[in-house]
Amino acid sequence: MPKETAVYTHGHHESVLRSHTWRTAANSAAYLVGSLKPHMKVLDIGCGPGTITADFAELVPDGHVTGVDHAPDILDAARATAAERGLENVDFAVADVHDLDHPDDSFCVVHAHQVLQHVGDPVRALREMRRVCRPGGIVAVRDADYEAMTWYPDTPAMDDWLDLYRRVARANGGEPDAGRRLKSWALEAGFTDVTATAATWCYSSADERTWWSGLWADRTLASTYAERAKEGGHADEDRLRAVSAAWREWGGREDAWFAVLHGEILCRK
């Protein structure tokens, strides 16, 4: 496949959207929120069902937000999210982050959450994000780092999940440990003013454990990720069922705890 392309490993199965629709500007873009001003024009790349996009629209009431995604079907959910919240300063379109359909210097802020781990050429993507960002503007990127994820209690089957996911993601052309690479990619893309930080999601309460383990247990059996795992020869149905069962067993443990580490960058143009 061409270097700039990659397969979106997760797809948009219900178990995936269960996670995506939970995301907000507060829990997924806090590193950026303080820099948003009411008049700003924002591009949200890889917007998915639009929950973060809608939050941005509320935070820039005198500005405008454009949400874009490579998958046309998910934009119907994004438009519905904006409509339910009565937002009129937001629109959505299909786009490829490697070749954005916008003139140079179009946006005050260009944002991408959990996107660069799924693209074939993250440096080219960042160059495009830089191109459409206005002088003095901000390119903001946040990605998880799978190898840095940690949990308790440790079990071999959970280790098997992590190994399997990372192999499938890389076979699809992505980089699952993107979080640690964001600063390096940004510098290679030509940014000179880069602030790199880190943040976590943590799941420990009974409700959090049930939600997090359930969505991964279902995703392991029924999502695009599961299909790619089998088609690529990475796992058969029995192995996927064992991993899914391990997730449910982990989620049922009162002492269970899971942390997701994210790398974050704010790049000023």
C-alpha atoms as a PDB file:
ATOM      1  CA  MET A   1       0.000   0.000   0.000  1.00  0.00           C
ATOM      2  CA  PRO A   2       1.207   3.594  -0.535  1.00  0.00           C
ATOM      3  CA  LYS A   3       3.077   4.956   2.439  1.00  0.00           C
ATOM      4  CA  GLU A   4       0.514   7.677   3.113  1.00  0.00           C
ATOM      5  CA  THR A   5      -2.377   5.256   3.560  1.00  0.00           C
ATOM      6  CA  ALA A   6      -3.301   2.900   6.368  1.00  0.00           C
ATOM      7  CA  VAL A   7      -6.293   0.862   7.477  1.00  0.00           C
ATOM      8  CA  TYR A   8      -8.247   2.209  10.458  1.00  0.00           C
ATOM      9  CA  THR A   9      -7.704  -0.744  12.771  1.00  0.00           C
ATOM     10  CA  HIS A  10     -10.791  -0.349  14.965  1.00  0.00           C
ATOM     11  CA  GLY A  11     -13.504   0.407  12.419  1.00  0.00           C
ATOM     12  CA  HIS A  12     -16.817   1.806  13.653  1.00  0.00           C
ATOM     13  CA  HIS A  13     -18.492  -1.167  15.302  1.00  0.00           C
ATOM     14  CA  GLU A  14     -20.805  -0.293  18.198  1.00  0.00           C
ATOM     15  CA  SER A  15     -18.128  -1.391  20.673  1.00  0.00           C
ATOM     16  CA  VAL A  16     -15.781   1.197  19.168  1.00  0.00           C
ATOM     17  CA  LEU A  17     -18.350   3.999  19.136  1.00  0.00           C
ATOM     18  CA  ARG A  18     -19.089   3.191  22.774  1.00  0.00           C
ATOM     19  CA  SER A  19     -15.615   4.519  23.469  1.00  0.00           C
ATOM     20  CA  HIS A  20     -15.598   7.357  20.931  1.00  0.00           C
ATOM     21  CA  THR A  21     -18.881   8.885  22.107  1.00  0.00           C
ATOM     22  CA  TRP A  22     -17.546   8.972  25.697  1.00  0.00           C
ATOM     23  CA  ARG A  23     -14.791  11.377  24.650  1.00  0.00           C
ATOM     24  CA  THR A  24     -15.122  15.064  25.456  1.00  0.00           C
ATOM     25  CA  ALA A  25     -12.894  18.110  25.242  1.00  0.00           C
ATOM     26  CA  ALA A  26     -12.489  17.862  29.025  1.00  0.00           C
ATOM     27  CA  ASN A  27     -11.327  14.229  29.147  1.00  0.00           C
ATOM     28  CA  SER A  28      -9.498  14.134  25.809  1.00  0.00           C
ATOM     29  CA  ALA A  29      -8.257  17.647  24.948  1.00  0.00           C
ATOM     30  CA  ALA A  30      -7.675  19.413  28.272  1.00  0.00           C
ATOM     31  CA  TYR A  31      -4.141  20.315  27.144  1.00  0.00           C
ATOM     32  CA  LEU A  32      -5.687  22.451  24.362  1.00  0.00           C
ATOM     33  CA  VAL A  33      -8.860  23.867  25.918  1.00  0.00           C
ATOM     34  CA  GLY A  34      -7.099  26.715  27.739  1.00  0.00           C
ATOM     35  CA  SER A  35      -5.758  28.034  24.430  1.00  0.00           C
ATOM     36  CA  LEU A  36      -9.155  28.267  22.718  1.00  0.00           C
ATOM     37  CA  LYS A  37     -10.670  31.731  22.267  1.00  0.00           C
ATOM     38  CA  PRO A  38     -14.316  32.545  21.429  1.00  0.00           C
ATOM     39  CA  HIS A  39     -13.553  33.827  17.900  1.00  0.00           C
ATOM     40  CA  MET A  40     -11.334  30.968  16.707  1.00  0.00           C
ATOM     41  CA  LYS A  41     -11.741  28.885  13.570  1.00  0.00           C
ATOM     42  CA  VAL A  42     -10.965  25.235  14.370  1.00  0.00           C
ATOM     43  CA  LEU A  43     -10.348  22.145  12.236  1.00  0.00           C
ATOM     44  CA  ASP A  44     -10.983  18.851  14.053  1.00  0.00           C
ATOM     45  CA  ILE A  45      -9.377  15.993  12.117  1.00  0.00           C
ATOM     46  CA  GLY A  46     -10.661  12.440  12.642  1.00  0.00           C
ATOM     47  CA  CYS A  47     -13.759  13.794  14.371  1.00  0.00           C
ATOM     48  CA  GLY A  48     -15.621  10.461  14.470  1.00  0.00           C
ATOM     49  CA  PRO A  49     -19.070  10.849  16.053  1.00  0.00           C
ATOM     50  CA  GLY A  50     -18.334  14.481  16.850  1.00  0.00           C
ATOM     51  CA  THR A  51     -18.489  14.691  20.629  1.00  0.00           C
ATOM     52  CA  ILE A  52     -15.172  16.541  20.972  1.00  0.00           C
ATOM     53  CA  THR A  53     -16.009  18.620  17.894  1.00  0.00           C
ATOM     54  CA  ALA A  54     -19.284  19.735  19.452  1.00  0.00           C
ATOM     55  CA  ASP A  55     -17.502  20.710  22.660  1.00  0.00           C
ATOM     56  CA  PHE A  56     -15.081  22.837  20.638  1.00  0.00           C
ATOM     57  CA  ALA A  57     -18.032  24.540  18.914  1.00  0.00           C
ATOM     58  CA  GLU A  58     -19.445  25.492  22.317  1.00  0.00           C
ATOM     59  CA  LEU A  59     -16.036  26.844  23.379  1.00  0.00           C
ATOM     60  CA  VAL A  60     -15.722  29.088  20.287  1.00  0.00           C
ATOM     61  CA  PRO A  61     -19.260  30.570  20.092  1.00  0.00           C
ATOM     62  CA  ASP A  62     -18.130  33.462  17.874  1.00  0.00           C
ATOM     63  CA  GLY A  63     -15.951  31.227  15.713  1.00  0.00           C
ATOM     64  CA  HIS A  64     -16.471  28.092  13.673  1.00  0.00           C
ATOM     65  CA  VAL A  65     -15.477  24.413  13.850  1.00  0.00           C
ATOM     66  CA  THR A  66     -15.076  22.052  10.906  1.00  0.00           C
ATOM     67  CA  GLY A  67     -14.978  18.348  11.727  1.00  0.00           C
ATOM     68  CA  VAL A  68     -13.519  16.001   9.137  1.00  0.00           C
ATOM     69  CA  ASP A  69     -13.151  12.240   8.959  1.00  0.00           C
ATOM     70  CA  HIS A  70     -11.939   9.717   6.403  1.00  0.00           C
ATOM     71  CA  ALA A  71     -15.088   7.578   6.905  1.00  0.00           C
ATOM     72  CA  PRO A  72     -18.206   9.199   5.371  1.00  0.00           C
ATOM     73  CA  ASP A  73     -20.758   7.155   7.329  1.00  0.00           C
ATOM     74  CA  ILE A  74     -19.562   8.302  10.757  1.00  0.00           C
ATOM     75  CA  LEU A  75     -20.244  11.919   9.816  1.00  0.00           C
ATOM     76  CA  ASP A  76     -23.997  11.263  10.021  1.00  0.00           C
ATOM     77  CA  ALA A  77     -23.514  10.550  13.730  1.00  0.00           C
ATOM     78  CA  ALA A  78     -21.402  13.700  14.078  1.00  0.00           C
ATOM     79  CA  ARG A  79     -24.057  15.854  12.444  1.00  0.00           C
ATOM     80  CA  ALA A  80     -26.678  14.328  14.718  1.00  0.00           C
ATOM     81  CA  THR A  81     -24.543  15.141  17.766  1.00  0.00           C
ATOM     82  CA  ALA A  82     -24.282  18.794  16.704  1.00  0.00           C
ATOM     83  CA  ALA A  83     -27.988  19.007  15.899  1.00  0.00           C
ATOM     84  CA  GLU A  84     -29.011  17.540  19.256  1.00  0.00           C
ATOM     85  CA  ARG A  85     -26.962  20.241  20.975  1.00  0.00           C
ATOM     86  CA  GLY A  86     -28.374  23.021  18.808  1.00  0.00           C
ATOM     87  CA  LEU A  87     -24.994  24.027  17.401  1.00  0.00           C
ATOM     88  CA  GLU A  88     -24.938  26.173  14.275  1.00  0.00           C
ATOM     89  CA  ASN A  89     -21.233  27.064  14.125  1.00  0.00           C
ATOM     90  CA  VAL A  90     -20.034  23.620  13.047  1.00  0.00           C
ATOM     91  CA  ASP A  91     -19.918  21.654   9.799  1.00  0.00           C
ATOM     92  CA  PHE A  92     -18.563  18.279   8.740  1.00  0.00           C
ATOM     93  CA  ALA A  93     -16.859  16.877   5.639  1.00  0.00           C
ATOM     94  CA  VAL A  94     -14.908  13.878   4.372  1.00  0.00           C
ATOM     95  CA  ALA A  95     -11.145  14.470   4.281  1.00  0.00           C
ATOM     96  CA  ASP A  96      -7.749  12.774   4.181  1.00  0.00           C
ATOM     97  CA  VAL A  97      -5.263  14.249   6.652  1.00  0.00           C
ATOM     98  CA  HIS A  98      -2.453  13.658   4.133  1.00  0.00           C
ATOM     99  CA  ASP A  99      -4.147  15.933   1.564  1.00  0.00           C
ATOM    100  CA  LEU A 100      -6.508  18.411   3.225  1.00  0.00           C
ATOM    101  CA  ASP A 101      -8.942  20.269   0.984  1.00  0.00           C
ATOM    102  CA  HIS A 102      -8.311  23.692   2.541  1.00  0.00           C
ATOM    103  CA  PRO A 103      -6.149  26.655   1.520  1.00  0.00           C
ATOM    104  CA  ASP A 104      -2.976  27.552   3.371  1.00  0.00           C
ATOM    105  CA  ASP A 105      -3.419  29.421   6.676  1.00  0.00           C
ATOM    106  CA  SER A 106      -7.140  28.608   7.015  1.00  0.00           C
ATOM    107  CA  PHE A 107      -7.508  27.762  10.726  1.00  0.00           C
ATOM    108  CA  CYS A 108      -6.498  29.177  14.098  1.00  0.00           C
ATOM    109  CA  VAL A 109      -6.362  25.660  15.580  1.00  0.00           C
ATOM    110  CA  VAL A 110      -5.891  22.280  13.890  1.00  0.00           C
ATOM    111  CA  HIS A 111      -6.632  19.354  16.198  1.00  0.00           C
ATOM    112  CA  ALA A 112      -6.291  15.579  15.870  1.00  0.00           C
ATOM    113  CA  HIS A 113      -7.164  13.096  18.607  1.00  0.00           C
ATOM    114  CA  GLN A 114      -6.085   9.446  18.218  1.00  0.00           C
ATOM    115  CA  VAL A 115      -5.410   9.961  14.512  1.00  0.00           C
ATOM    116  CA  LEU A 116      -1.671   9.784  13.821  1.00  0.00           C
ATOM    117  CA  GLN A 117      -1.404   6.250  15.216  1.00  0.00           C
ATOM    118  CA  HIS A 118      -3.601   5.128  12.322  1.00  0.00           C
ATOM    119  CA  VAL A 119      -1.989   6.905   9.362  1.00  0.00           C
ATOM    120  CA  GLY A 120       0.740   5.652   7.066  1.00  0.00           C
ATOM    121  CA  ASP A 121       2.802   8.856   7.051  1.00  0.00           C
ATOM    122  CA  PRO A 122       2.336  10.864  10.271  1.00  0.00           C
ATOM    123  CA  VAL A 123       5.037  13.385   9.322  1.00  0.00           C
ATOM    124  CA  ARG A 124       3.298  14.185   6.053  1.00  0.00           C
ATOM    125  CA  ALA A 125       0.024  14.480   7.977  1.00  0.00           C
ATOM    126  CA  LEU A 126       1.595  16.963  10.385  1.00  0.00           C
ATOM    127  CA  ARG A 127       2.985  18.986   7.483  1.00  0.00           C
ATOM    128  CA  GLU A 128      -0.526  19.235   6.052  1.00  0.00           C
ATOM    129  CA  MET A 129      -1.877  20.269   9.440  1.00  0.00           C
ATOM    130  CA  ARG A 130       0.849  22.916   9.632  1.00  0.00           C
ATOM    131  CA  ARG A 131       0.050  24.142   6.124  1.00  0.00           C
ATOM    132  CA  VAL A 132      -3.624  24.871   6.869  1.00  0.00           C
ATOM    133  CA  CYS A 133      -2.834  26.455  10.258  1.00  0.00           C
ATOM    134  CA  ARG A 134      -2.522  30.235  10.357  1.00  0.00           C
ATOM    135  CA  PRO A 135       0.732  31.929  11.454  1.00  0.00           C
ATOM    136  CA  GLY A 136       0.582  32.173  15.244  1.00  0.00           C
ATOM    137  CA  GLY A 137      -1.934  29.319  15.342  1.00  0.00           C
ATOM    138  CA  ILE A 138      -1.785  25.951  17.069  1.00  0.00           C
ATOM    139  CA  VAL A 139      -1.572  22.372  15.834  1.00  0.00           C
ATOM    140  CA  ALA A 140      -2.686  20.096  18.694  1.00  0.00           C
ATOM    141  CA  VAL A 141      -2.268  16.321  18.582  1.00  0.00           C
ATOM    142  CA  ARG A 142      -2.927  13.606  21.157  1.00  0.00           C
ATOM    143  CA  ASP A 143      -2.331   9.872  20.725  1.00  0.00           C
ATOM    144  CA  ALA A 144      -2.284   6.854  22.990  1.00  0.00           C
ATOM    145  CA  ASP A 145       0.827   4.743  23.468  1.00  0.00           C
ATOM    146  CA  TYR A 146      -0.162   1.091  23.634  1.00  0.00           C
ATOM    147  CA  GLU A 147       3.129  -0.311  24.871  1.00  0.00           C
ATOM    148  CA  ALA A 148       2.950   2.133  27.793  1.00  0.00           C
ATOM    149  CA  MET A 149      -0.524   0.998  28.848  1.00  0.00           C
ATOM    150  CA  THR A 150      -0.450  -0.735  32.218  1.00  0.00           C
ATOM    151  CA  TRP A 151      -2.903  -2.622  34.355  1.00  0.00           C
ATOM    152  CA  TYR A 152      -3.373  -4.809  37.406  1.00  0.00           C
ATOM    153  CA  PRO A 153      -3.715  -7.688  37.973  1.00  0.00           C
ATOM    154  CA  ASP A 154      -1.286  -8.826  35.311  1.00  0.00           C
ATOM    155  CA  THR A 155      -2.333 -11.945  33.428  1.00  0.00           C
ATOM    156  CA  PRO A 156      -0.770 -13.689  30.406  1.00  0.00           C
ATOM    157  CA  ALA A 157      -3.998 -13.366  28.407  1.00  0.00           C
ATOM    158  CA  MET A 158      -4.005  -9.579  28.822  1.00  0.00           C
ATOM    159  CA  ASP A 159      -0.384  -9.499  27.694  1.00  0.00           C
ATOM    160  CA  ASP A 160      -1.539 -11.535  24.701  1.00  0.00           C
ATOM    161  CA  TRP A 161      -4.162  -8.849  23.938  1.00  0.00           C
ATOM    162  CA  LEU A 162      -1.541  -6.107  23.849  1.00  0.00           C
ATOM    163  CA  ASP A 163       0.858  -8.102  21.688  1.00  0.00           C
ATOM    164  CA  LEU A 164      -1.945  -9.019  19.290  1.00  0.00           C
ATOM    165  CA  TYR A 165      -3.298  -5.498  18.971  1.00  0.00           C
ATOM    166  CA  ARG A 166       0.122  -3.975  18.293  1.00  0.00           C
ATOM    167  CA  ARG A 167       0.871  -6.543  15.597  1.00  0.00           C
ATOM    168  CA  VAL A 168      -2.496  -6.037  13.879  1.00  0.00           C
ATOM    169  CA  ALA A 169      -2.165  -2.241  13.987  1.00  0.00           C
ATOM    170  CA  ARG A 170       1.310  -2.320  12.464  1.00  0.00           C
ATOM    171  CA  ALA A 171       0.217  -4.778   9.781  1.00  0.00           C
ATOM    172  CA  ASN A 172      -2.499  -2.252   8.905  1.00  0.00           C
ATOM    173  CA  GLY A 173       0.152   0.415   8.340  1.00  0.00           C
ATOM    174  CA  GLY A 174      -0.190   2.292  11.635  1.00  0.00           C
ATOM    175  CA  GLU A 175       1.969   2.872  14.707  1.00  0.00           C
ATOM    176  CA  PRO A 176       0.206   1.880  17.959  1.00  0.00           C
ATOM    177  CA  ASP A 177       2.925   3.433  20.126  1.00  0.00           C
ATOM    178  CA  ALA A 178       2.436   6.849  18.537  1.00  0.00           C
ATOM    179  CA  GLY A 179       2.220   8.799  21.792  1.00  0.00           C
ATOM    180  CA  ARG A 180       5.955   8.713  22.472  1.00  0.00           C
ATOM    181  CA  ARG A 181       6.765   9.676  18.881  1.00  0.00           C
ATOM    182  CA  LEU A 182       4.630  12.813  18.497  1.00  0.00           C
ATOM    183  CA  LYS A 183       7.343  15.310  19.428  1.00  0.00           C
ATOM    184  CA  SER A 184       9.847  13.665  17.084  1.00  0.00           C
ATOM    185  CA  TRP A 185       7.342  13.613  14.212  1.00  0.00           C
ATOM    186  CA  ALA A 186       6.465  17.282  14.798  1.00  0.00           C
ATOM    187  CA  LEU A 187      10.102  18.352  14.658  1.00  0.00           C
ATOM    188  CA  GLU A 188      10.589  16.344  11.467  1.00  0.00           C
ATOM    189  CA  ALA A 189       7.505  18.043  10.011  1.00  0.00           C
ATOM    190  CA  GLY A 190       9.128  21.442  10.464  1.00  0.00           C
ATOM    191  CA  PHE A 191       7.724  22.724  13.742  1.00  0.00           C
ATOM    192  CA  THR A 192      10.216  24.550  15.947  1.00  0.00           C
ATOM    193  CA  ASP A 193       7.942  25.569  18.850  1.00  0.00           C
ATOM    194  CA  VAL A 194       6.645  22.288  20.315  1.00  0.00           C
ATOM    195  CA  THR A 195       5.307  21.767  23.833  1.00  0.00           C
ATOM    196  CA  ALA A 196       5.116  18.050  24.628  1.00  0.00           C
ATOM    197  CA  THR A 197       3.115  16.708  27.565  1.00  0.00           C
ATOM    198  CA  ALA A 198       1.428  13.505  28.692  1.00  0.00           C
ATOM    199  CA  ALA A 199      -1.919  12.607  30.238  1.00  0.00           C
ATOM    200  CA  THR A 200      -3.843   9.481  31.198  1.00  0.00           C
ATOM    201  CA  TRP A 201      -7.224   7.876  31.211  1.00  0.00           C
ATOM    202  CA  CYS A 202      -7.645   5.637  34.262  1.00  0.00           C
ATOM    203  CA  TYR A 203     -10.337   2.999  34.824  1.00  0.00           C
ATOM    204  CA  SER A 204     -10.776   1.618  38.327  1.00  0.00           C
ATOM    205  CA  SER A 205     -14.309   2.007  39.685  1.00  0.00           C
ATOM    206  CA  ALA A 206     -16.832  -0.780  39.169  1.00  0.00           C
ATOM    207  CA  ASP A 207     -18.636   1.132  36.406  1.00  0.00           C
ATOM    208  CA  GLU A 208     -15.384   2.100  34.696  1.00  0.00           C
ATOM    209  CA  ARG A 209     -14.062  -1.461  34.781  1.00  0.00           C
ATOM    210  CA  THR A 210     -17.301  -2.862  33.396  1.00  0.00           C
ATOM    211  CA  TRP A 211     -17.406  -0.289  30.595  1.00  0.00           C
ATOM    212  CA  TRP A 212     -13.743  -0.507  29.559  1.00  0.00           C
ATOM    213  CA  SER A 213     -13.465  -4.290  29.737  1.00  0.00           C
ATOM    214  CA  GLY A 214     -16.829  -4.792  28.022  1.00  0.00           C
ATOM    215  CA  LEU A 215     -16.042  -2.640  25.026  1.00  0.00           C
ATOM    216  CA  TRP A 216     -12.677  -4.357  24.505  1.00  0.00           C
ATOM    217  CA  ALA A 217     -14.187  -7.811  25.009  1.00  0.00           C
ATOM    218  CA  ASP A 218     -16.787  -7.036  22.336  1.00  0.00           C
ATOM    219  CA  ARG A 219     -14.296  -5.273  20.043  1.00  0.00           C
ATOM    220  CA  THR A 220     -12.027  -8.340  20.135  1.00  0.00           C
ATOM    221  CA  LEU A 221     -14.789 -10.512  18.689  1.00  0.00           C
ATOM    222  CA  ALA A 222     -16.926  -8.292  16.475  1.00  0.00           C
ATOM    223  CA  SER A 223     -15.089  -5.202  15.172  1.00  0.00           C
ATOM    224  CA  THR A 224     -12.936  -4.500  12.135  1.00  0.00           C
ATOM    225  CA  TYR A 225      -9.967  -5.152  14.412  1.00  0.00           C
ATOM    226  CA  ALA A 226     -11.181  -8.727  14.935  1.00  0.00           C
ATOM    227  CA  GLU A 227     -11.649  -9.210  11.196  1.00  0.00           C
ATOM    228  CA  ARG A 228      -8.170  -7.892  10.441  1.00  0.00           C
ATOM    229  CA  ALA A 229      -6.654 -10.102  13.130  1.00  0.00           C
ATOM    230  CA  LYS A 230      -8.099 -13.198  11.476  1.00  0.00           C
ATOM    231  CA  GLU A 231      -7.562 -12.125   7.868  1.00  0.00           C
ATOM    232  CA  GLY A 232      -3.928 -11.307   8.565  1.00  0.00           C
ATOM    233  CA  GLY A 233      -3.251 -14.630  10.243  1.00  0.00           C
ATOM    234  CA  HIS A 234      -2.520 -12.988  13.608  1.00  0.00           C
ATOM    235  CA  ALA A 235      -5.186 -14.916  15.535  1.00  0.00           C
ATOM    236  CA  ASP A 236      -7.891 -17.494  15.023  1.00  0.00           C
ATOM    237  CA  GLU A 237     -11.369 -17.429  16.527  1.00  0.00           C
ATOM    238  CA  ASP A 238     -10.321 -19.459  19.580  1.00  0.00           C
ATOM    239  CA  ARG A 239      -7.519 -17.050  20.422  1.00  0.00           C
ATOM    240  CA  LEU A 240      -9.817 -14.051  20.054  1.00  0.00           C
ATOM    241  CA  ARG A 241     -12.378 -15.682  22.334  1.00  0.00           C
ATOM    242  CA  ALA A 242      -9.675 -16.314  24.933  1.00  0.00           C
ATOM    243  CA  VAL A 243      -8.585 -12.666  24.825  1.00  0.00           C
ATOM    244  CA  SER A 244     -12.191 -11.491  25.042  1.00  0.00           C
ATOM    245  CA  ALA A 245     -12.801 -13.723  28.045  1.00  0.00           C
ATOM    246  CA  ALA A 246      -9.654 -12.366  29.706  1.00  0.00           C
ATOM    247  CA  TRP A 247     -10.997  -8.834  29.376  1.00  0.00           C
ATOM    248  CA  ARG A 248     -14.276  -9.807  31.045  1.00  0.00           C
ATOM    249  CA  GLU A 249     -12.457 -11.661  33.809  1.00  0.00           C
ATOM    250  CA  TRP A 250     -10.233  -8.628  34.432  1.00  0.00           C
ATOM    251  CA  GLY A 251     -13.245  -6.314  34.501  1.00  0.00           C
ATOM    252  CA  GLY A 252     -14.901  -8.440  37.158  1.00  0.00           C
ATOM    253  CA  ARG A 253     -11.993  -8.090  39.579  1.00  0.00           C
ATOM    254  CA  GLU A 254     -12.615  -5.641  42.420  1.00  0.00           C
ATOM    255  CA  ASP A 255      -8.898  -4.780  42.523  1.00  0.00           C
ATOM    256  CA  ALA A 256      -8.590  -4.209  38.768  1.00  0.00           C
ATOM    257  CA  TRP A 257      -7.001  -0.976  37.516  1.00  0.00           C
ATOM    258  CA  PHE A 258      -6.047   0.184  34.011  1.00  0.00           C
ATOM    259  CA  ALA A 259      -4.153   3.282  32.823  1.00  0.00           C
ATOM    260  CA  VAL A 260      -3.872   4.573  29.253  1.00  0.00           C
ATOM    261  CA  LEU A 261      -0.931   6.904  28.643  1.00  0.00           C
ATOM    262  CA  HIS A 262      -1.212   9.580  25.947  1.00  0.00           C
ATOM    263  CA  GLY A 263       1.421  11.768  24.365  1.00  0.00           C
ATOM    264  CA  GLU A 264       0.304  15.324  23.578  1.00  0.00           C
ATOM    265  CA  ILE A 265       1.851  18.121  21.548  1.00  0.00           C
ATOM    266  CA  LEU A 266       0.967  21.791  21.105  1.00  0.00           C
ATOM    267  CA  CYS A 267       2.846  23.120  18.080  1.00  0.00           C
ATOM    268  CA  ARG A 268       2.840  26.854  17.412  1.00  0.00           C
ATOM    269  CA  LYS A 269       3.330  27.886  13.805  1.00  0.00           C
END
